[in-house]
Amino acid sequence: MESSAMGVPVVASDVDGLRDTVIHEETGLRVPPSDPVALAEAIVRLLRDEELRVELGRAGREMVEREYDWRDVHDRWVSFYARVCESVAVTV
């Protein structure tokens, strides 16, 4: 997410947490985990394709600005914690 926030194109493993922040061919490239050949191919692809690098970097930055603005994230966390606290409240 930090790289996307800086407009840097991202290559990431196709695993749970990264699927939320790296949309394949839109905000970055995802490769199968533990596949160094696929990782190398994705990196070389970005190195060779300036237009793709620029587009993925731009789209990644826009996604971070849209989805991860600190004020919105703060409000979502506060709401989440409030719901958790309500659901586990114990009467003494």
PDB file of N, CA and C in Angstrom:
ATOM      1  N   MET A   1       0.815  -1.181   0.000  1.00  0.00           N
ATOM      2  CA  MET A   1       0.000   0.000   0.000  1.00  0.00           C
ATOM      3  C   MET A   1       0.866   1.256   0.000  1.00  0.00           C
ATOM      4  N   GLU A   2       1.984   1.211   0.714  1.00  0.00           N
ATOM      5  CA  GLU A   2       2.859   2.376   0.761  1.00  0.00           C
ATOM      6  C   GLU A   2       3.419   2.697  -0.626  1.00  0.00           C
ATOM      7  N   SER A   3       3.803   1.668  -1.361  1.00  0.00           N
ATOM      8  CA  SER A   3       4.319   1.894  -2.716  1.00  0.00           C
ATOM      9  C   SER A   3       3.241   2.486  -3.602  1.00  0.00           C
ATOM     10  N   SER A   4       2.046   1.925  -3.529  1.00  0.00           N
ATOM     11  CA  SER A   4       0.938   2.461  -4.333  1.00  0.00           C
ATOM     12  C   SER A   4       0.671   3.916  -3.975  1.00  0.00           C
ATOM     13  N   ALA A   5       0.729   4.234  -2.691  1.00  0.00           N
ATOM     14  CA  ALA A   5       0.487   5.610  -2.255  1.00  0.00           C
ATOM     15  C   ALA A   5       1.479   6.578  -2.890  1.00  0.00           C
ATOM     16  N   MET A   6       2.673   6.076  -3.207  1.00  0.00           N
ATOM     17  CA  MET A   6       3.701   6.914  -3.830  1.00  0.00           C
ATOM     18  C   MET A   6       3.661   6.843  -5.357  1.00  0.00           C
ATOM     19  N   GLY A   7       2.674   6.126  -5.908  1.00  0.00           N
ATOM     20  CA  GLY A   7       2.553   6.030  -7.353  1.00  0.00           C
ATOM     21  C   GLY A   7       3.516   5.044  -7.981  1.00  0.00           C
ATOM     22  N   VAL A   8       4.052   4.143  -7.175  1.00  0.00           N
ATOM     23  CA  VAL A   8       5.001   3.140  -7.675  1.00  0.00           C
ATOM     24  C   VAL A   8       4.225   1.883  -8.048  1.00  0.00           C
ATOM     25  N   PRO A   9       4.420   1.353  -9.250  1.00  0.00           N
ATOM     26  CA  PRO A   9       3.714   0.120  -9.632  1.00  0.00           C
ATOM     27  C   PRO A   9       4.153  -1.035  -8.735  1.00  0.00           C
ATOM     28  N   VAL A  10       3.231  -1.932  -8.439  1.00  0.00           N
ATOM     29  CA  VAL A  10       3.459  -2.980  -7.457  1.00  0.00           C
ATOM     30  C   VAL A  10       3.367  -4.360  -8.097  1.00  0.00           C
ATOM     31  N   VAL A  11       4.272  -5.243  -7.677  1.00  0.00           N
ATOM     32  CA  VAL A  11       4.169  -6.668  -7.958  1.00  0.00           C
ATOM     33  C   VAL A  11       4.049  -7.347  -6.601  1.00  0.00           C
ATOM     34  N   ALA A  12       2.992  -8.128  -6.419  1.00  0.00           N
ATOM     35  CA  ALA A  12       2.728  -8.722  -5.113  1.00  0.00           C
ATOM     36  C   ALA A  12       2.317 -10.177  -5.260  1.00  0.00           C
ATOM     37  N   SER A  13       2.526 -10.942  -4.198  1.00  0.00           N
ATOM     38  CA  SER A  13       2.055 -12.329  -4.168  1.00  0.00           C
ATOM     39  C   SER A  13       0.537 -12.347  -4.105  1.00  0.00           C
ATOM     40  N   ASP A  14      -0.049 -13.325  -4.754  1.00  0.00           N
ATOM     41  CA  ASP A  14      -1.502 -13.472  -4.773  1.00  0.00           C
ATOM     42  C   ASP A  14      -1.950 -14.194  -3.502  1.00  0.00           C
ATOM     43  N   VAL A  15      -1.946 -13.444  -2.397  1.00  0.00           N
ATOM     44  CA  VAL A  15      -2.363 -13.984  -1.105  1.00  0.00           C
ATOM     45  C   VAL A  15      -3.416 -13.062  -0.501  1.00  0.00           C
ATOM     46  N   ASP A  16      -4.105 -13.573   0.501  1.00  0.00           N
ATOM     47  CA  ASP A  16      -5.280 -12.892   1.044  1.00  0.00           C
ATOM     48  C   ASP A  16      -5.143 -11.393   1.257  1.00  0.00           C
ATOM     49  N   GLY A  17      -4.267 -10.945   2.115  1.00  0.00           N
ATOM     50  CA  GLY A  17      -4.189  -9.524   2.436  1.00  0.00           C
ATOM     51  C   GLY A  17      -3.871  -8.648   1.238  1.00  0.00           C
ATOM     52  N   LEU A  18      -3.034  -9.135   0.361  1.00  0.00           N
ATOM     53  CA  LEU A  18      -2.629  -8.329  -0.801  1.00  0.00           C
ATOM     54  C   LEU A  18      -3.708  -8.278  -1.881  1.00  0.00           C
ATOM     55  N   ARG A  19      -4.626  -9.222  -1.872  1.00  0.00           N
ATOM     56  CA  ARG A  19      -5.727  -9.175  -2.849  1.00  0.00           C
ATOM     57  C   ARG A  19      -6.618  -7.950  -2.636  1.00  0.00           C
ATOM     58  N   ASP A  20      -6.631  -7.450  -1.406  1.00  0.00           N
ATOM     59  CA  ASP A  20      -7.447  -6.271  -1.104  1.00  0.00           C
ATOM     60  C   ASP A  20      -6.812  -4.983  -1.617  1.00  0.00           C
ATOM     61  N   THR A  21      -5.507  -4.948  -1.722  1.00  0.00           N
ATOM     62  CA  THR A  21      -4.831  -3.703  -2.070  1.00  0.00           C
ATOM     63  C   THR A  21      -4.186  -3.710  -3.446  1.00  0.00           C
ATOM     64  N   VAL A  22      -4.012  -4.888  -4.034  1.00  0.00           N
ATOM     65  CA  VAL A  22      -3.420  -4.975  -5.376  1.00  0.00           C
ATOM     66  C   VAL A  22      -4.415  -5.695  -6.278  1.00  0.00           C
ATOM     67  N   ILE A  23      -5.065  -4.937  -7.134  1.00  0.00           N
ATOM     68  CA  ILE A  23      -6.021  -5.501  -8.087  1.00  0.00           C
ATOM     69  C   ILE A  23      -5.239  -5.805  -9.358  1.00  0.00           C
ATOM     70  N   HIS A  24      -5.184  -7.096  -9.705  1.00  0.00           N
ATOM     71  CA  HIS A  24      -4.345  -7.544 -10.811  1.00  0.00           C
ATOM     72  C   HIS A  24      -4.693  -6.812 -12.106  1.00  0.00           C
ATOM     73  N   GLU A  25      -3.651  -6.299 -12.753  1.00  0.00           N
ATOM     74  CA  GLU A  25      -3.735  -5.586 -14.026  1.00  0.00           C
ATOM     75  C   GLU A  25      -4.434  -4.237 -13.914  1.00  0.00           C
ATOM     76  N   GLU A  26      -4.791  -3.838 -12.683  1.00  0.00           N
ATOM     77  CA  GLU A  26      -5.460  -2.554 -12.494  1.00  0.00           C
ATOM     78  C   GLU A  26      -4.639  -1.622 -11.604  1.00  0.00           C
ATOM     79  N   THR A  27      -4.279  -2.108 -10.415  1.00  0.00           N
ATOM     80  CA  THR A  27      -3.447  -1.293  -9.520  1.00  0.00           C
ATOM     81  C   THR A  27      -2.077  -1.926  -9.312  1.00  0.00           C
ATOM     82  N   GLY A  28      -1.842  -3.047  -9.941  1.00  0.00           N
ATOM     83  CA  GLY A  28      -0.568  -3.736  -9.829  1.00  0.00           C
ATOM     84  C   GLY A  28      -0.639  -5.093 -10.491  1.00  0.00           C
ATOM     85  N   LEU A  29       0.387  -5.878 -10.291  1.00  0.00           N
ATOM     86  CA  LEU A  29       0.419  -7.235 -10.825  1.00  0.00           C
ATOM     87  C   LEU A  29       0.532  -8.203  -9.657  1.00  0.00           C
ATOM     88  N   ARG A  30      -0.254  -9.265  -9.685  1.00  0.00           N
ATOM     89  CA  ARG A  30      -0.153 -10.304  -8.660  1.00  0.00           C
ATOM     90  C   ARG A  30       0.410 -11.558  -9.298  1.00  0.00           C
ATOM     91  N   VAL A  31       1.243 -12.246  -8.554  1.00  0.00           N
ATOM     92  CA  VAL A  31       1.853 -13.486  -9.025  1.00  0.00           C
ATOM     93  C   VAL A  31       1.600 -14.573  -7.988  1.00  0.00           C
ATOM     94  N   PRO A  32       1.623 -15.834  -8.418  1.00  0.00           N
ATOM     95  CA  PRO A  32       1.428 -16.920  -7.449  1.00  0.00           C
ATOM     96  C   PRO A  32       2.515 -16.888  -6.375  1.00  0.00           C
ATOM     97  N   PRO A  33       2.137 -17.197  -5.136  1.00  0.00           N
ATOM     98  CA  PRO A  33       3.146 -17.233  -4.075  1.00  0.00           C
ATOM     99  C   PRO A  33       4.187 -18.316  -4.359  1.00  0.00           C
ATOM    100  N   SER A  34       5.392 -18.088  -3.901  1.00  0.00           N
ATOM    101  CA  SER A  34       6.493 -19.054  -4.043  1.00  0.00           C
ATOM    102  C   SER A  34       6.773 -19.415  -5.494  1.00  0.00           C
ATOM    103  N   ASP A  35       6.609 -18.437  -6.391  1.00  0.00           N
ATOM    104  CA  ASP A  35       6.880 -18.666  -7.813  1.00  0.00           C
ATOM    105  C   ASP A  35       7.866 -17.606  -8.298  1.00  0.00           C
ATOM    106  N   PRO A  36       9.157 -17.842  -8.096  1.00  0.00           N
ATOM    107  CA  PRO A  36      10.152 -16.830  -8.462  1.00  0.00           C
ATOM    108  C   PRO A  36      10.185 -16.533  -9.953  1.00  0.00           C
ATOM    109  N   VAL A  37       9.829 -17.495 -10.787  1.00  0.00           N
ATOM    110  CA  VAL A  37       9.811 -17.247 -12.230  1.00  0.00           C
ATOM    111  C   VAL A  37       8.707 -16.254 -12.573  1.00  0.00           C
ATOM    112  N   ALA A  38       7.519 -16.451 -12.016  1.00  0.00           N
ATOM    113  CA  ALA A  38       6.409 -15.525 -12.274  1.00  0.00           C
ATOM    114  C   ALA A  38       6.740 -14.136 -11.729  1.00  0.00           C
ATOM    115  N   LEU A  39       7.383 -14.079 -10.574  1.00  0.00           N
ATOM    116  CA  LEU A  39       7.783 -12.802 -10.003  1.00  0.00           C
ATOM    117  C   LEU A  39       8.761 -12.085 -10.925  1.00  0.00           C
ATOM    118  N   ALA A  40       9.761 -12.794 -11.389  1.00  0.00           N
ATOM    119  CA  ALA A  40      10.750 -12.201 -12.293  1.00  0.00           C
ATOM    120  C   ALA A  40      10.092 -11.732 -13.588  1.00  0.00           C
ATOM    121  N   GLU A  41       9.198 -12.536 -14.128  1.00  0.00           N
ATOM    122  CA  GLU A  41       8.517 -12.156 -15.376  1.00  0.00           C
ATOM    123  C   GLU A  41       7.685 -10.892 -15.186  1.00  0.00           C
ATOM    124  N   ALA A  42       7.006 -10.765 -14.051  1.00  0.00           N
ATOM    125  CA  ALA A  42       6.196  -9.575 -13.788  1.00  0.00           C
ATOM    126  C   ALA A  42       7.083  -8.342 -13.647  1.00  0.00           C
ATOM    127  N   ILE A  43       8.207  -8.490 -12.972  1.00  0.00           N
ATOM    128  CA  ILE A  43       9.126  -7.359 -12.811  1.00  0.00           C
ATOM    129  C   ILE A  43       9.697  -6.938 -14.160  1.00  0.00           C
ATOM    130  N   VAL A  44      10.119  -7.900 -14.954  1.00  0.00           N
ATOM    131  CA  VAL A  44      10.662  -7.593 -16.282  1.00  0.00           C
ATOM    132  C   VAL A  44       9.586  -6.941 -17.151  1.00  0.00           C
ATOM    133  N   ARG A  45       8.374  -7.432 -17.038  1.00  0.00           N
ATOM    134  CA  ARG A  45       7.268  -6.819 -17.803  1.00  0.00           C
ATOM    135  C   ARG A  45       7.134  -5.342 -17.470  1.00  0.00           C
ATOM    136  N   LEU A  46       7.176  -5.013 -16.177  1.00  0.00           N
ATOM    137  CA  LEU A  46       7.078  -3.608 -15.782  1.00  0.00           C
ATOM    138  C   LEU A  46       8.279  -2.798 -16.257  1.00  0.00           C
ATOM    139  N   LEU A  47       9.448  -3.384 -16.179  1.00  0.00           N
ATOM    140  CA  LEU A  47      10.647  -2.667 -16.631  1.00  0.00           C
ATOM    141  C   LEU A  47      10.595  -2.358 -18.127  1.00  0.00           C
ATOM    142  N   ARG A  48       9.980  -3.231 -18.888  1.00  0.00           N
ATOM    143  CA  ARG A  48       9.929  -3.059 -20.349  1.00  0.00           C
ATOM    144  C   ARG A  48       8.763  -2.202 -20.823  1.00  0.00           C
ATOM    145  N   ASP A  49       7.741  -2.041 -19.994  1.00  0.00           N
ATOM    146  CA  ASP A  49       6.514  -1.373 -20.444  1.00  0.00           C
ATOM    147  C   ASP A  49       6.266  -0.105 -19.617  1.00  0.00           C
ATOM    148  N   GLU A  50       6.806   1.001 -20.091  1.00  0.00           N
ATOM    149  CA  GLU A  50       6.671   2.260 -19.358  1.00  0.00           C
ATOM    150  C   GLU A  50       5.211   2.669 -19.209  1.00  0.00           C
ATOM    151  N   GLU A  51       4.418   2.499 -20.235  1.00  0.00           N
ATOM    152  CA  GLU A  51       3.010   2.884 -20.173  1.00  0.00           C
ATOM    153  C   GLU A  51       2.288   2.096 -19.072  1.00  0.00           C
ATOM    154  N   LEU A  52       2.556   0.803 -18.977  1.00  0.00           N
ATOM    155  CA  LEU A  52       1.948  -0.012 -17.929  1.00  0.00           C
ATOM    156  C   LEU A  52       2.411   0.447 -16.544  1.00  0.00           C
ATOM    157  N   ARG A  53       3.709   0.723 -16.407  1.00  0.00           N
ATOM    158  CA  ARG A  53       4.231   1.212 -15.118  1.00  0.00           C
ATOM    159  C   ARG A  53       3.504   2.479 -14.683  1.00  0.00           C
ATOM    160  N   VAL A  54       3.382   3.408 -15.592  1.00  0.00           N
ATOM    161  CA  VAL A  54       2.743   4.686 -15.266  1.00  0.00           C
ATOM    162  C   VAL A  54       1.275   4.472 -14.912  1.00  0.00           C
ATOM    163  N   GLU A  55       0.576   3.662 -15.704  1.00  0.00           N
ATOM    164  CA  GLU A  55      -0.852   3.437 -15.468  1.00  0.00           C
ATOM    165  C   GLU A  55      -1.097   2.720 -14.140  1.00  0.00           C
ATOM    166  N   LEU A  56      -0.346   1.661 -13.860  1.00  0.00           N
ATOM    167  CA  LEU A  56      -0.530   0.945 -12.601  1.00  0.00           C
ATOM    168  C   LEU A  56      -0.182   1.839 -11.415  1.00  0.00           C
ATOM    169  N   GLY A  57       0.879   2.621 -11.541  1.00  0.00           N
ATOM    170  CA  GLY A  57       1.246   3.542 -10.467  1.00  0.00           C
ATOM    171  C   GLY A  57       0.169   4.578 -10.212  1.00  0.00           C
ATOM    172  N   ARG A  58      -0.375   5.146 -11.284  1.00  0.00           N
ATOM    173  CA  ARG A  58      -1.436   6.148 -11.145  1.00  0.00           C
ATOM    174  C   ARG A  58      -2.681   5.540 -10.513  1.00  0.00           C
ATOM    175  N   ALA A  59      -3.090   4.378 -11.022  1.00  0.00           N
ATOM    176  CA  ALA A  59      -4.298   3.726 -10.508  1.00  0.00           C
ATOM    177  C   ALA A  59      -4.117   3.302  -9.049  1.00  0.00           C
ATOM    178  N   GLY A  60      -2.926   2.848  -8.702  1.00  0.00           N
ATOM    179  CA  GLY A  60      -2.664   2.467  -7.316  1.00  0.00           C
ATOM    180  C   GLY A  60      -2.765   3.657  -6.385  1.00  0.00           C
ATOM    181  N   ARG A  61      -2.192   4.767  -6.796  1.00  0.00           N
ATOM    182  CA  ARG A  61      -2.262   5.979  -5.965  1.00  0.00           C
ATOM    183  C   ARG A  61      -3.705   6.433  -5.798  1.00  0.00           C
ATOM    184  N   GLU A  62      -4.463   6.433  -6.874  1.00  0.00           N
ATOM    185  CA  GLU A  62      -5.873   6.840  -6.786  1.00  0.00           C
ATOM    186  C   GLU A  62      -6.656   5.918  -5.856  1.00  0.00           C
ATOM    187  N   MET A  63      -6.379   4.614  -5.914  1.00  0.00           N
ATOM    188  CA  MET A  63      -7.068   3.667  -5.054  1.00  0.00           C
ATOM    189  C   MET A  63      -6.749   3.942  -3.581  1.00  0.00           C
ATOM    190  N   VAL A  64      -5.492   4.190  -3.276  1.00  0.00           N
ATOM    191  CA  VAL A  64      -5.114   4.476  -1.889  1.00  0.00           C
ATOM    192  C   VAL A  64      -5.777   5.766  -1.417  1.00  0.00           C
ATOM    193  N   GLU A  65      -5.754   6.791  -2.244  1.00  0.00           N
ATOM    194  CA  GLU A  65      -6.392   8.059  -1.864  1.00  0.00           C
ATOM    195  C   GLU A  65      -7.884   7.874  -1.630  1.00  0.00           C
ATOM    196  N   ARG A  66      -8.513   7.058  -2.445  1.00  0.00           N
ATOM    197  CA  ARG A  66      -9.961   6.853  -2.362  1.00  0.00           C
ATOM    198  C   ARG A  66     -10.340   5.941  -1.199  1.00  0.00           C
ATOM    199  N   GLU A  67      -9.604   4.847  -1.001  1.00  0.00           N
ATOM    200  CA  GLU A  67     -10.007   3.817  -0.049  1.00  0.00           C
ATOM    201  C   GLU A  67      -9.342   3.921   1.320  1.00  0.00           C
ATOM    202  N   TYR A  68      -8.217   4.626   1.412  1.00  0.00           N
ATOM    203  CA  TYR A  68      -7.450   4.587   2.644  1.00  0.00           C
ATOM    204  C   TYR A  68      -7.127   5.972   3.195  1.00  0.00           C
ATOM    205  N   ASP A  69      -7.998   6.928   2.962  1.00  0.00           N
ATOM    206  CA  ASP A  69      -7.835   8.233   3.572  1.00  0.00           C
ATOM    207  C   ASP A  69      -7.884   8.053   5.090  1.00  0.00           C
ATOM    208  N   TRP A  70      -6.926   8.620   5.804  1.00  0.00           N
ATOM    209  CA  TRP A  70      -6.810   8.385   7.236  1.00  0.00           C
ATOM    210  C   TRP A  70      -8.092   8.716   8.001  1.00  0.00           C
ATOM    211  N   ARG A  71      -8.773   9.784   7.610  1.00  0.00           N
ATOM    212  CA  ARG A  71     -10.004  10.139   8.332  1.00  0.00           C
ATOM    213  C   ARG A  71     -11.047   9.041   8.189  1.00  0.00           C
ATOM    214  N   ASP A  72     -11.175   8.476   6.994  1.00  0.00           N
ATOM    215  CA  ASP A  72     -12.142   7.390   6.792  1.00  0.00           C
ATOM    216  C   ASP A  72     -11.708   6.125   7.519  1.00  0.00           C
ATOM    217  N   VAL A  73     -10.428   5.804   7.439  1.00  0.00           N
ATOM    218  CA  VAL A  73      -9.912   4.616   8.119  1.00  0.00           C
ATOM    219  C   VAL A  73     -10.138   4.746   9.623  1.00  0.00           C
ATOM    220  N   HIS A  74      -9.854   5.911  10.156  1.00  0.00           N
ATOM    221  CA  HIS A  74     -10.069   6.154  11.594  1.00  0.00           C
ATOM    222  C   HIS A  74     -11.518   5.899  11.962  1.00  0.00           C
ATOM    223  N   ASP A  75     -12.440   6.473  11.203  1.00  0.00           N
ATOM    224  CA  ASP A  75     -13.868   6.298  11.501  1.00  0.00           C
ATOM    225  C   ASP A  75     -14.281   4.834  11.421  1.00  0.00           C
ATOM    226  N   ARG A  76     -13.748   4.102  10.436  1.00  0.00           N
ATOM    227  CA  ARG A  76     -14.081   2.674  10.312  1.00  0.00           C
ATOM    228  C   ARG A  76     -13.540   1.873  11.492  1.00  0.00           C
ATOM    229  N   TRP A  77     -12.318   2.189  11.949  1.00  0.00           N
ATOM    230  CA  TRP A  77     -11.751   1.479  13.099  1.00  0.00           C
ATOM    231  C   TRP A  77     -12.544   1.776  14.360  1.00  0.00           C
ATOM    232  N   VAL A  78     -12.900   3.016  14.578  1.00  0.00           N
ATOM    233  CA  VAL A  78     -13.678   3.367  15.772  1.00  0.00           C
ATOM    234  C   VAL A  78     -15.007   2.625  15.755  1.00  0.00           C
ATOM    235  N   SER A  79     -15.664   2.603  14.609  1.00  0.00           N
ATOM    236  CA  SER A  79     -16.933   1.896  14.487  1.00  0.00           C
ATOM    237  C   SER A  79     -16.758   0.395  14.730  1.00  0.00           C
ATOM    238  N   PHE A  80     -15.705  -0.168  14.175  1.00  0.00           N
ATOM    239  CA  PHE A  80     -15.422  -1.592  14.357  1.00  0.00           C
ATOM    240  C   PHE A  80     -15.220  -1.920  15.831  1.00  0.00           C
ATOM    241  N   TYR A  81     -14.377  -1.152  16.502  1.00  0.00           N
ATOM    242  CA  TYR A  81     -14.109  -1.406  17.915  1.00  0.00           C
ATOM    243  C   TYR A  81     -15.359  -1.213  18.770  1.00  0.00           C
ATOM    244  N   ALA A  82     -16.170  -0.266  18.429  1.00  0.00           N
ATOM    245  CA  ALA A  82     -17.416  -0.064  19.181  1.00  0.00           C
ATOM    246  C   ALA A  82     -18.317  -1.291  19.051  1.00  0.00           C
ATOM    247  N   ARG A  83     -18.419  -1.843  17.840  1.00  0.00           N
ATOM    248  CA  ARG A  83     -19.244  -3.040  17.637  1.00  0.00           C
ATOM    249  C   ARG A  83     -18.665  -4.234  18.401  1.00  0.00           C
ATOM    250  N   VAL A  84     -17.347  -4.371  18.376  1.00  0.00           N
ATOM    251  CA  VAL A  84     -16.712  -5.476  19.102  1.00  0.00           C
ATOM    252  C   VAL A  84     -16.969  -5.343  20.594  1.00  0.00           C
ATOM    253  N   CYS A  85     -16.790  -4.156  21.111  1.00  0.00           N
ATOM    254  CA  CYS A  85     -17.008  -3.935  22.543  1.00  0.00           C
ATOM    255  C   CYS A  85     -18.460  -4.253  22.943  1.00  0.00           C
ATOM    256  N   GLU A  86     -19.401  -3.865  22.113  1.00  0.00           N
ATOM    257  CA  GLU A  86     -20.805  -4.133  22.398  1.00  0.00           C
ATOM    258  C   GLU A  86     -21.098  -5.629  22.380  1.00  0.00           C
ATOM    259  N   SER A  87     -20.457  -6.342  21.463  1.00  0.00           N
ATOM    260  CA  SER A  87     -20.758  -7.778  21.319  1.00  0.00           C
ATOM    261  C   SER A  87     -20.114  -8.635  22.394  1.00  0.00           C
ATOM    262  N   VAL A  88     -19.080  -8.125  23.061  1.00  0.00           N
ATOM    263  CA  VAL A  88     -18.422  -8.926  24.094  1.00  0.00           C
ATOM    264  C   VAL A  88     -18.610  -8.352  25.492  1.00  0.00           C
ATOM    265  N   ALA A  89     -19.524  -7.403  25.622  1.00  0.00           N
ATOM    266  CA  ALA A  89     -19.781  -6.821  26.928  1.00  0.00           C
ATOM    267  C   ALA A  89     -20.224  -7.887  27.910  1.00  0.00           C
ATOM    268  N   VAL A  90     -19.670  -7.833  29.097  1.00  0.00           N
ATOM    269  CA  VAL A  90     -19.975  -8.830  30.123  1.00  0.00           C
ATOM    270  C   VAL A  90     -20.652  -8.121  31.294  1.00  0.00           C
ATOM    271  N   THR A  91     -21.752  -8.672  31.752  1.00  0.00           N
ATOM    272  CA  THR A  91     -22.438  -8.115  32.909  1.00  0.00           C
ATOM    273  C   THR A  91     -21.826  -8.700  34.166  1.00  0.00           C
ATOM    274  N   VAL A  92     -21.488  -7.840  35.102  1.00  0.00           N
ATOM    275  CA  VAL A  92     -20.869  -8.293  36.352  1.00  0.00           C
ATOM    276  C   VAL A  92     -21.868  -8.214  37.475  1.00  0.00           C
TER     277      VAL A  92
END
